[in-house]
Amino acid sequence: MWPKLKLVLLRRLRLKESWVIFFILGIIMMNYPFLHIFNKPQLLLQMPLLYLYFNVGWLVSIVVIYLFTRALDLPDEENDQGERR
């Protein structure tokens, strides 16, 4: 089940709309409302909340970029179906 789910996810990430959606989401996450929400004088895991927000966002963006590059390495659908026959 997991390999099939992984393949479906990676094929969906090949769509250009996915790239645009994640880019816009990244821009929104770095703008005023979200920065204001996390700019509090509270500590979580001995780190200020805003620093933790930036570090987690950075890590998530690296994972998304990794998934996009993995999706680009997949063969085309029509070539994949032709090889199975």
PDB file of N, CA and C in Angstrom:
ATOM      1  N   MET A   1       0.814  -1.199   0.000  1.00  0.00           N
ATOM      2  CA  MET A   1       0.000   0.000   0.000  1.00  0.00           C
ATOM      3  C   MET A   1       0.854   1.259   0.000  1.00  0.00           C
ATOM      4  N   TRP A   2       1.928   1.275   0.808  1.00  0.00           N
ATOM      5  CA  TRP A   2       2.744   2.485   0.902  1.00  0.00           C
ATOM      6  C   TRP A   2       3.418   2.856  -0.416  1.00  0.00           C
ATOM      7  N   PRO A   3       3.976   1.903  -1.161  1.00  0.00           N
ATOM      8  CA  PRO A   3       4.583   2.309  -2.437  1.00  0.00           C
ATOM      9  C   PRO A   3       3.562   2.902  -3.415  1.00  0.00           C
ATOM     10  N   LYS A   4       2.344   2.372  -3.415  1.00  0.00           N
ATOM     11  CA  LYS A   4       1.323   2.912  -4.312  1.00  0.00           C
ATOM     12  C   LYS A   4       0.931   4.332  -3.889  1.00  0.00           C
ATOM     13  N   LEU A   5       0.785   4.551  -2.577  1.00  0.00           N
ATOM     14  CA  LEU A   5       0.459   5.881  -2.062  1.00  0.00           C
ATOM     15  C   LEU A   5       1.585   6.864  -2.357  1.00  0.00           C
ATOM     16  N   LYS A   6       2.814   6.406  -2.197  1.00  0.00           N
ATOM     17  CA  LYS A   6       3.975   7.251  -2.490  1.00  0.00           C
ATOM     18  C   LYS A   6       4.000   7.643  -3.958  1.00  0.00           C
ATOM     19  N   LEU A   7       3.707   6.688  -4.837  1.00  0.00           N
ATOM     20  CA  LEU A   7       3.694   6.964  -6.272  1.00  0.00           C
ATOM     21  C   LEU A   7       2.599   7.960  -6.638  1.00  0.00           C
ATOM     22  N   VAL A   8       1.429   7.807  -6.045  1.00  0.00           N
ATOM     23  CA  VAL A   8       0.321   8.735  -6.318  1.00  0.00           C
ATOM     24  C   VAL A   8       0.685  10.138  -5.843  1.00  0.00           C
ATOM     25  N   LEU A   9       1.285  10.248  -4.658  1.00  0.00           N
ATOM     26  CA  LEU A   9       1.676  11.550  -4.124  1.00  0.00           C
ATOM     27  C   LEU A   9       2.728  12.211  -5.011  1.00  0.00           C
ATOM     28  N   LEU A  10       3.722  11.450  -5.421  1.00  0.00           N
ATOM     29  CA  LEU A  10       4.778  12.024  -6.254  1.00  0.00           C
ATOM     30  C   LEU A  10       4.260  12.418  -7.637  1.00  0.00           C
ATOM     31  N   ARG A  11       3.324  11.643  -8.183  1.00  0.00           N
ATOM     32  CA  ARG A  11       2.742  12.029  -9.482  1.00  0.00           C
ATOM     33  C   ARG A  11       1.935  13.312  -9.361  1.00  0.00           C
ATOM     34  N   ARG A  12       1.237  13.484  -8.256  1.00  0.00           N
ATOM     35  CA  ARG A  12       0.449  14.698  -8.049  1.00  0.00           C
ATOM     36  C   ARG A  12       1.361  15.914  -7.884  1.00  0.00           C
ATOM     37  N   LEU A  13       2.535  15.728  -7.288  1.00  0.00           N
ATOM     38  CA  LEU A  13       3.467  16.839  -7.105  1.00  0.00           C
ATOM     39  C   LEU A  13       4.100  17.284  -8.418  1.00  0.00           C
ATOM     40  N   ARG A  14       3.985  16.493  -9.457  1.00  0.00           N
ATOM     41  CA  ARG A  14       4.519  16.903 -10.752  1.00  0.00           C
ATOM     42  C   ARG A  14       3.691  17.998 -11.396  1.00  0.00           C
ATOM     43  N   LEU A  15       2.473  18.197 -10.938  1.00  0.00           N
ATOM     44  CA  LEU A  15       1.607  19.224 -11.514  1.00  0.00           C
ATOM     45  C   LEU A  15       2.160  20.609 -11.200  1.00  0.00           C
ATOM     46  N   LYS A  16       2.103  21.486 -12.170  1.00  0.00           N
ATOM     47  CA  LYS A  16       2.615  22.840 -11.972  1.00  0.00           C
ATOM     48  C   LYS A  16       1.777  23.611 -10.970  1.00  0.00           C
ATOM     49  N   GLU A  17       0.498  23.247 -10.851  1.00  0.00           N
ATOM     50  CA  GLU A  17      -0.356  23.927  -9.876  1.00  0.00           C
ATOM     51  C   GLU A  17       0.145  23.682  -8.455  1.00  0.00           C
ATOM     52  N   SER A  18       0.680  22.496  -8.201  1.00  0.00           N
ATOM     53  CA  SER A  18       1.213  22.191  -6.873  1.00  0.00           C
ATOM     54  C   SER A  18       2.399  23.085  -6.545  1.00  0.00           C
ATOM     55  N   TRP A  19       3.252  23.320  -7.530  1.00  0.00           N
ATOM     56  CA  TRP A  19       4.402  24.193  -7.313  1.00  0.00           C
ATOM     57  C   TRP A  19       3.946  25.607  -6.947  1.00  0.00           C
ATOM     58  N   VAL A  20       2.960  26.098  -7.684  1.00  0.00           N
ATOM     59  CA  VAL A  20       2.465  27.461  -7.443  1.00  0.00           C
ATOM     60  C   VAL A  20       1.794  27.557  -6.078  1.00  0.00           C
ATOM     61  N   ILE A  21       1.006  26.556  -5.720  1.00  0.00           N
ATOM     62  CA  ILE A  21       0.312  26.572  -4.426  1.00  0.00           C
ATOM     63  C   ILE A  21       1.310  26.583  -3.280  1.00  0.00           C
ATOM     64  N   PHE A  22       2.345  25.741  -3.346  1.00  0.00           N
ATOM     65  CA  PHE A  22       3.330  25.717  -2.262  1.00  0.00           C
ATOM     66  C   PHE A  22       4.156  26.993  -2.208  1.00  0.00           C
ATOM     67  N   PHE A  23       4.428  27.605  -3.356  1.00  0.00           N
ATOM     68  CA  PHE A  23       5.152  28.879  -3.367  1.00  0.00           C
ATOM     69  C   PHE A  23       4.316  29.972  -2.700  1.00  0.00           C
ATOM     70  N   ILE A  24       3.047  30.061  -3.067  1.00  0.00           N
ATOM     71  CA  ILE A  24       2.174  31.077  -2.468  1.00  0.00           C
ATOM     72  C   ILE A  24       1.991  30.823  -0.978  1.00  0.00           C
ATOM     73  N   LEU A  25       1.862  29.568  -0.596  1.00  0.00           N
ATOM     74  CA  LEU A  25       1.744  29.238   0.822  1.00  0.00           C
ATOM     75  C   LEU A  25       2.999  29.662   1.592  1.00  0.00           C
ATOM     76  N   GLY A  26       4.163  29.477   1.001  1.00  0.00           N
ATOM     77  CA  GLY A  26       5.410  29.915   1.640  1.00  0.00           C
ATOM     78  C   GLY A  26       5.465  31.426   1.800  1.00  0.00           C
ATOM     79  N   ILE A  27       5.007  32.152   0.798  1.00  0.00           N
ATOM     80  CA  ILE A  27       4.980  33.617   0.889  1.00  0.00           C
ATOM     81  C   ILE A  27       4.011  34.057   1.993  1.00  0.00           C
ATOM     82  N   ILE A  28       2.852  33.427   2.041  1.00  0.00           N
ATOM     83  CA  ILE A  28       1.856  33.795   3.063  1.00  0.00           C
ATOM     84  C   ILE A  28       2.382  33.506   4.464  1.00  0.00           C
ATOM     85  N   MET A  29       3.072  32.394   4.628  1.00  0.00           N
ATOM     86  CA  MET A  29       3.572  32.022   5.955  1.00  0.00           C
ATOM     87  C   MET A  29       4.654  32.979   6.463  1.00  0.00           C
ATOM     88  N   MET A  30       5.274  33.738   5.576  1.00  0.00           N
ATOM     89  CA  MET A  30       6.317  34.680   5.989  1.00  0.00           C
ATOM     90  C   MET A  30       5.821  36.123   6.023  1.00  0.00           C
ATOM     91  N   ASN A  31       4.524  36.340   6.031  1.00  0.00           N
ATOM     92  CA  ASN A  31       3.974  37.687   6.079  1.00  0.00           C
ATOM     93  C   ASN A  31       3.388  38.019   7.440  1.00  0.00           C
ATOM     94  N   TYR A  32       2.872  39.218   7.545  1.00  0.00           N
ATOM     95  CA  TYR A  32       2.477  39.820   8.817  1.00  0.00           C
ATOM     96  C   TYR A  32       1.600  38.958   9.728  1.00  0.00           C
ATOM     97  N   PRO A  33       0.479  38.439   9.298  1.00  0.00           N
ATOM     98  CA  PRO A  33      -0.370  37.782  10.309  1.00  0.00           C
ATOM     99  C   PRO A  33       0.326  36.629  11.025  1.00  0.00           C
ATOM    100  N   PHE A  34       1.037  35.809  10.279  1.00  0.00           N
ATOM    101  CA  PHE A  34       1.685  34.660  10.909  1.00  0.00           C
ATOM    102  C   PHE A  34       2.887  35.084  11.747  1.00  0.00           C
ATOM    103  N   LEU A  35       3.655  36.036  11.268  1.00  0.00           N
ATOM    104  CA  LEU A  35       4.790  36.502  12.067  1.00  0.00           C
ATOM    105  C   LEU A  35       4.315  37.155  13.358  1.00  0.00           C
ATOM    106  N   HIS A  36       3.211  37.857  13.300  1.00  0.00           N
ATOM    107  CA  HIS A  36       2.663  38.492  14.499  1.00  0.00           C
ATOM    108  C   HIS A  36       2.141  37.449  15.493  1.00  0.00           C
ATOM    109  N   ILE A  37       1.553  36.386  14.991  1.00  0.00           N
ATOM    110  CA  ILE A  37       1.042  35.324  15.861  1.00  0.00           C
ATOM    111  C   ILE A  37       2.176  34.675  16.641  1.00  0.00           C
ATOM    112  N   PHE A  38       3.317  34.436  15.990  1.00  0.00           N
ATOM    113  CA  PHE A  38       4.413  33.717  16.634  1.00  0.00           C
ATOM    114  C   PHE A  38       5.433  34.627  17.296  1.00  0.00           C
ATOM    115  N   ASN A  39       5.281  35.934  17.205  1.00  0.00           N
ATOM    116  CA  ASN A  39       6.206  36.854  17.843  1.00  0.00           C
ATOM    117  C   ASN A  39       5.728  37.160  19.267  1.00  0.00           C
ATOM    118  N   LYS A  40       5.832  36.170  20.132  1.00  0.00           N
ATOM    119  CA  LYS A  40       5.407  36.278  21.528  1.00  0.00           C
ATOM    120  C   LYS A  40       6.615  36.049  22.432  1.00  0.00           C
ATOM    121  N   PRO A  41       6.612  36.611  23.611  1.00  0.00           N
ATOM    122  CA  PRO A  41       7.748  36.408  24.528  1.00  0.00           C
ATOM    123  C   PRO A  41       7.651  35.082  25.291  1.00  0.00           C
ATOM    124  N   GLN A  42       7.272  34.031  24.629  1.00  0.00           N
ATOM    125  CA  GLN A  42       7.161  32.717  25.256  1.00  0.00           C
ATOM    126  C   GLN A  42       8.264  31.805  24.731  1.00  0.00           C
ATOM    127  N   LEU A  43       8.673  30.859  25.560  1.00  0.00           N
ATOM    128  CA  LEU A  43       9.682  29.892  25.163  1.00  0.00           C
ATOM    129  C   LEU A  43       9.035  28.518  24.999  1.00  0.00           C
ATOM    130  N   LEU A  44       9.442  27.831  23.961  1.00  0.00           N
ATOM    131  CA  LEU A  44       9.020  26.460  23.739  1.00  0.00           C
ATOM    132  C   LEU A  44      10.276  25.680  23.379  1.00  0.00           C
ATOM    133  N   LEU A  45      10.581  24.645  24.143  1.00  0.00           N
ATOM    134  CA  LEU A  45      11.823  23.890  23.980  1.00  0.00           C
ATOM    135  C   LEU A  45      13.045  24.792  24.152  1.00  0.00           C
ATOM    136  N   GLN A  46      12.967  25.720  25.083  1.00  0.00           N
ATOM    137  CA  GLN A  46      14.029  26.674  25.405  1.00  0.00           C
ATOM    138  C   GLN A  46      14.421  27.573  24.235  1.00  0.00           C
ATOM    139  N   MET A  47      13.494  27.754  23.283  1.00  0.00           N
ATOM    140  CA  MET A  47      13.711  28.658  22.151  1.00  0.00           C
ATOM    141  C   MET A  47      12.548  29.627  22.070  1.00  0.00           C
ATOM    142  N   PRO A  48      12.825  30.873  21.692  1.00  0.00           N
ATOM    143  CA  PRO A  48      11.699  31.784  21.455  1.00  0.00           C
ATOM    144  C   PRO A  48      10.782  31.216  20.370  1.00  0.00           C
ATOM    145  N   LEU A  49       9.517  31.479  20.493  1.00  0.00           N
ATOM    146  CA  LEU A  49       8.512  30.907  19.603  1.00  0.00           C
ATOM    147  C   LEU A  49       8.741  31.287  18.133  1.00  0.00           C
ATOM    148  N   LEU A  50       9.165  32.525  17.888  1.00  0.00           N
ATOM    149  CA  LEU A  50       9.396  32.972  16.511  1.00  0.00           C
ATOM    150  C   LEU A  50      10.565  32.216  15.878  1.00  0.00           C
ATOM    151  N   TYR A  51      11.637  31.989  16.620  1.00  0.00           N
ATOM    152  CA  TYR A  51      12.777  31.236  16.093  1.00  0.00           C
ATOM    153  C   TYR A  51      12.381  29.793  15.787  1.00  0.00           C
ATOM    154  N   LEU A  52      11.593  29.221  16.666  1.00  0.00           N
ATOM    155  CA  LEU A  52      11.119  27.861  16.440  1.00  0.00           C
ATOM    156  C   LEU A  52      10.239  27.792  15.183  1.00  0.00           C
ATOM    157  N   TYR A  53       9.399  28.811  14.993  1.00  0.00           N
ATOM    158  CA  TYR A  53       8.547  28.885  13.803  1.00  0.00           C
ATOM    159  C   TYR A  53       9.398  28.948  12.533  1.00  0.00           C
ATOM    160  N   PHE A  54      10.444  29.763  12.546  1.00  0.00           N
ATOM    161  CA  PHE A  54      11.319  29.862  11.379  1.00  0.00           C
ATOM    162  C   PHE A  54      12.056  28.548  11.118  1.00  0.00           C
ATOM    163  N   ASN A  55      12.548  27.911  12.164  1.00  0.00           N
ATOM    164  CA  ASN A  55      13.289  26.665  11.988  1.00  0.00           C
ATOM    165  C   ASN A  55      12.393  25.536  11.486  1.00  0.00           C
ATOM    166  N   VAL A  56      11.197  25.415  12.015  1.00  0.00           N
ATOM    167  CA  VAL A  56      10.272  24.378  11.553  1.00  0.00           C
ATOM    168  C   VAL A  56       9.824  24.672  10.119  1.00  0.00           C
ATOM    169  N   GLY A  57       9.561  25.932   9.802  1.00  0.00           N
ATOM    170  CA  GLY A  57       9.195  26.305   8.432  1.00  0.00           C
ATOM    171  C   GLY A  57      10.309  26.018   7.448  1.00  0.00           C
ATOM    172  N   TRP A  58      11.544  26.259   7.857  1.00  0.00           N
ATOM    173  CA  TRP A  58      12.700  25.978   7.013  1.00  0.00           C
ATOM    174  C   TRP A  58      12.805  24.479   6.757  1.00  0.00           C
ATOM    175  N   LEU A  59      12.629  23.671   7.801  1.00  0.00           N
ATOM    176  CA  LEU A  59      12.697  22.227   7.666  1.00  0.00           C
ATOM    177  C   LEU A  59      11.577  21.700   6.758  1.00  0.00           C
ATOM    178  N   VAL A  60      10.381  22.218   6.919  1.00  0.00           N
ATOM    179  CA  VAL A  60       9.261  21.786   6.079  1.00  0.00           C
ATOM    180  C   VAL A  60       9.501  22.171   4.620  1.00  0.00           C
ATOM    181  N   SER A  61      10.057  23.359   4.391  1.00  0.00           N
ATOM    182  CA  SER A  61      10.319  23.766   3.006  1.00  0.00           C
ATOM    183  C   SER A  61      11.386  22.876   2.369  1.00  0.00           C
ATOM    184  N   ILE A  62      12.376  22.431   3.128  1.00  0.00           N
ATOM    185  CA  ILE A  62      13.388  21.519   2.597  1.00  0.00           C
ATOM    186  C   ILE A  62      12.747  20.180   2.225  1.00  0.00           C
ATOM    187  N   VAL A  63      11.859  19.680   3.059  1.00  0.00           N
ATOM    188  CA  VAL A  63      11.179  18.418   2.775  1.00  0.00           C
ATOM    189  C   VAL A  63      10.303  18.544   1.526  1.00  0.00           C
ATOM    190  N   VAL A  64       9.594  19.651   1.384  1.00  0.00           N
ATOM    191  CA  VAL A  64       8.742  19.850   0.205  1.00  0.00           C
ATOM    192  C   VAL A  64       9.593  19.936  -1.059  1.00  0.00           C
ATOM    193  N   ILE A  65      10.713  20.640  -1.010  1.00  0.00           N
ATOM    194  CA  ILE A  65      11.592  20.730  -2.171  1.00  0.00           C
ATOM    195  C   ILE A  65      12.160  19.355  -2.520  1.00  0.00           C
ATOM    196  N   TYR A  66      12.498  18.570  -1.500  1.00  0.00           N
ATOM    197  CA  TYR A  66      12.977  17.207  -1.739  1.00  0.00           C
ATOM    198  C   TYR A  66      11.905  16.365  -2.440  1.00  0.00           C
ATOM    199  N   LEU A  67      10.665  16.472  -1.975  1.00  0.00           N
ATOM    200  CA  LEU A  67       9.577  15.717  -2.608  1.00  0.00           C
ATOM    201  C   LEU A  67       9.356  16.163  -4.051  1.00  0.00           C
ATOM    202  N   PHE A  68       9.463  17.463  -4.311  1.00  0.00           N
ATOM    203  CA  PHE A  68       9.308  17.952  -5.679  1.00  0.00           C
ATOM    204  C   PHE A  68      10.413  17.399  -6.581  1.00  0.00           C
ATOM    205  N   THR A  69      11.641  17.364  -6.094  1.00  0.00           N
ATOM    206  CA  THR A  69      12.727  16.837  -6.924  1.00  0.00           C
ATOM    207  C   THR A  69      12.571  15.341  -7.146  1.00  0.00           C
ATOM    208  N   ARG A  70      12.061  14.624  -6.153  1.00  0.00           N
ATOM    209  CA  ARG A  70      11.784  13.197  -6.336  1.00  0.00           C
ATOM    210  C   ARG A  70      10.684  12.998  -7.380  1.00  0.00           C
ATOM    211  N   ALA A  71       9.698  13.872  -7.383  1.00  0.00           N
ATOM    212  CA  ALA A  71       8.599  13.760  -8.345  1.00  0.00           C
ATOM    213  C   ALA A  71       9.084  14.025  -9.765  1.00  0.00           C
ATOM    214  N   LEU A  72      10.076  14.879  -9.926  1.00  0.00           N
ATOM    215  CA  LEU A  72      10.599  15.156 -11.270  1.00  0.00           C
ATOM    216  C   LEU A  72      11.371  13.974 -11.835  1.00  0.00           C
ATOM    217  N   ASP A  73      11.917  13.121 -10.962  1.00  0.00           N
ATOM    218  CA  ASP A  73      12.690  11.976 -11.419  1.00  0.00           C
ATOM    219  C   ASP A  73      11.822  10.811 -11.887  1.00  0.00           C
ATOM    220  N   LEU A  74      10.515  10.887 -11.651  1.00  0.00           N
ATOM    221  CA  LEU A  74       9.625   9.803 -12.069  1.00  0.00           C
ATOM    222  C   LEU A  74       9.498   9.783 -13.588  1.00  0.00           C
ATOM    223  N   PRO A  75       9.362   8.580 -14.168  1.00  0.00           N
ATOM    224  CA  PRO A  75       9.119   8.522 -15.617  1.00  0.00           C
ATOM    225  C   PRO A  75       7.725   9.035 -15.947  1.00  0.00           C
ATOM    226  N   ASP A  76       7.547   9.432 -17.192  1.00  0.00           N
ATOM    227  CA  ASP A  76       6.233   9.910 -17.623  1.00  0.00           C
ATOM    228  C   ASP A  76       5.210   8.788 -17.529  1.00  0.00           C
ATOM    229  N   GLU A  77       3.937   9.176 -17.376  1.00  0.00           N
ATOM    230  CA  GLU A  77       2.866   8.180 -17.244  1.00  0.00           C
ATOM    231  C   GLU A  77       2.732   7.319 -18.488  1.00  0.00           C
ATOM    232  N   GLU A  78       2.769   7.928 -19.662  1.00  0.00           N
ATOM    233  CA  GLU A  78       2.570   7.141 -20.868  1.00  0.00           C
ATOM    234  C   GLU A  78       3.735   6.184 -21.100  1.00  0.00           C
ATOM    235  N   ASN A  79       4.950   6.587 -20.751  1.00  0.00           N
ATOM    236  CA  ASN A  79       6.088   5.686 -20.870  1.00  0.00           C
ATOM    237  C   ASN A  79       6.010   4.561 -19.853  1.00  0.00           C
ATOM    238  N   ASP A  80       5.537   4.867 -18.659  1.00  0.00           N
ATOM    239  CA  ASP A  80       5.425   3.883 -17.594  1.00  0.00           C
ATOM    240  C   ASP A  80       4.400   2.808 -17.960  1.00  0.00           C
ATOM    241  N   GLN A  81       3.278   3.209 -18.542  1.00  0.00           N
ATOM    242  CA  GLN A  81       2.251   2.255 -18.931  1.00  0.00           C
ATOM    243  C   GLN A  81       2.708   1.414 -20.122  1.00  0.00           C
ATOM    244  N   GLY A  82       3.462   2.007 -21.027  1.00  0.00           N
ATOM    245  CA  GLY A  82       3.944   1.281 -22.191  1.00  0.00           C
ATOM    246  C   GLY A  82       4.952   0.201 -21.830  1.00  0.00           C
ATOM    247  N   GLU A  83       5.750   0.415 -20.789  1.00  0.00           N
ATOM    248  CA  GLU A  83       6.736  -0.569 -20.385  1.00  0.00           C
ATOM    249  C   GLU A  83       6.088  -1.767 -19.719  1.00  0.00           C
ATOM    250  N   ARG A  84       4.943  -1.596 -19.098  1.00  0.00           N
ATOM    251  CA  ARG A  84       4.276  -2.699 -18.406  1.00  0.00           C
ATOM    252  C   ARG A  84       3.648  -3.686 -19.369  1.00  0.00           C
ATOM    253  N   ARG A  85       3.286  -3.248 -20.561  1.00  0.00           N
ATOM    254  CA  ARG A  85       2.576  -4.121 -21.517  1.00  0.00           C
ATOM    255  C   ARG A  85       3.506  -5.075 -22.180  1.00  0.00           C
TER     256      ARG A  85
END
